[in-house]
Protein backbone atom coordinates (compact mmCIF):
# COMPACT_ATOMS: atom_id res chain seq x y z
CA MET A 1 54.94 143.55 242.38
CA ALA A 2 54.99 147.31 241.03
CA ASN A 3 58.33 147.25 241.20
CA SER A 4 58.64 144.25 239.06
CA LEU A 5 56.04 146.00 236.39
CA LEU A 6 58.53 149.13 236.68
CA THR A 7 61.82 146.85 235.70
CA GLU A 8 60.10 145.09 232.71
CA HIS A 9 59.03 148.45 231.48
CA LEU A 10 62.11 150.18 231.48
CA LYS A 11 63.48 146.60 229.82
CA LEU A 12 60.66 147.27 226.76
CA SER A 13 61.71 150.62 226.60
CA ASP A 14 65.34 149.73 225.94
CA HIS A 15 64.79 147.27 223.50
CA SER A 16 62.53 149.46 221.67
CA TYR A 17 64.84 152.30 221.56
CA ARG A 18 67.95 149.83 220.81
CA LEU A 19 66.06 148.41 217.68
CA PHE A 20 65.17 151.95 216.68
CA LYS A 21 68.61 153.11 216.80
CA GLN A 22 69.48 150.17 214.62
CA ILE A 23 67.35 150.20 211.98
CA THR A 24 67.67 154.03 212.12
CA ASP A 25 71.29 153.65 211.74
CA GLU A 26 71.20 151.21 208.95
CA ILE A 27 69.14 153.36 207.07
CA LEU A 28 71.33 156.69 207.36
CA LEU A 29 74.51 154.46 206.66
CA GLY A 30 73.21 152.56 203.74
CA LYS A 31 73.65 149.59 205.19
CA SER A 32 71.29 146.27 204.98
CA ALA A 33 69.79 145.16 208.47
CA ASN A 34 70.64 142.03 209.91
CA GLN A 35 67.68 140.60 210.08
CA SER A 36 68.99 138.17 212.73
CA ILE A 37 69.58 140.71 215.40
CA VAL A 38 66.54 142.42 214.38
CA ARG A 39 64.29 139.12 214.96
CA ASN A 40 66.22 138.82 218.69
CA LYS A 41 65.59 142.38 219.38
CA ARG A 42 61.94 142.08 218.05
CA ALA A 43 61.49 138.51 219.86
CA LYS A 44 63.01 139.98 223.37
CA ILE A 45 60.37 142.95 222.96
CA ALA A 46 57.43 140.06 222.44
CA GLU A 47 58.83 138.42 225.41
CA THR A 48 58.74 141.60 227.68
CA LEU A 49 55.52 142.33 226.58
CA SER A 50 54.26 139.06 227.46
CA ARG A 51 55.61 139.44 231.12
CA ILE A 52 54.36 143.00 231.69
CA ARG A 53 50.56 140.88 230.95
CA GLU A 54 51.19 138.12 233.29
CA LEU A 55 52.83 140.93 235.87
CA GLU A 56 49.45 143.01 235.32
CA VAL A 57 47.07 140.04 235.48
CA ALA A 58 48.38 138.87 239.25
CA GLN A 59 48.51 142.71 240.15
CA ARG A 60 44.41 143.05 238.88
CA LEU A 61 43.92 139.69 240.81
CA ALA A 62 45.74 141.07 244.11
CA LEU A 63 43.94 145.02 243.72
CA GLY A 64 40.77 143.93 241.86
CA PRO A 65 39.64 145.27 238.16
CA GLU A 66 38.40 148.54 239.37
CA ARG A 67 42.12 149.55 240.62
CA THR A 68 43.69 148.38 237.66
CA LYS A 69 41.27 149.37 235.17
CA GLY A 70 42.48 149.59 232.01
CA SER A 71 46.18 148.33 232.62
CA VAL A 72 45.59 144.52 231.02
CA GLU A 73 43.80 146.24 227.94
CA ASP A 74 46.44 148.65 227.16
CA THR A 75 49.25 146.04 227.12
CA ASP A 76 47.03 143.96 224.89
CA ASN A 77 46.72 146.79 222.49
CA LEU A 78 50.58 146.98 221.81
């Protein structure tokens, strides 16, 4: 389960970086944002966050709330 969580966090980092890079490149180069690409990247971020939350809930059920304190709540705040 920990490996799956790590994989999803890495995906989130990658998707977030690519969205940030695209938007900043467009600002710096003076191009207008391709809203379709931006929407797709935002959807991937939302999907990854949802998967992380599912894994954290499963981890909490397996390990108990004391050992996973704050993990689900921190993800909910993103």
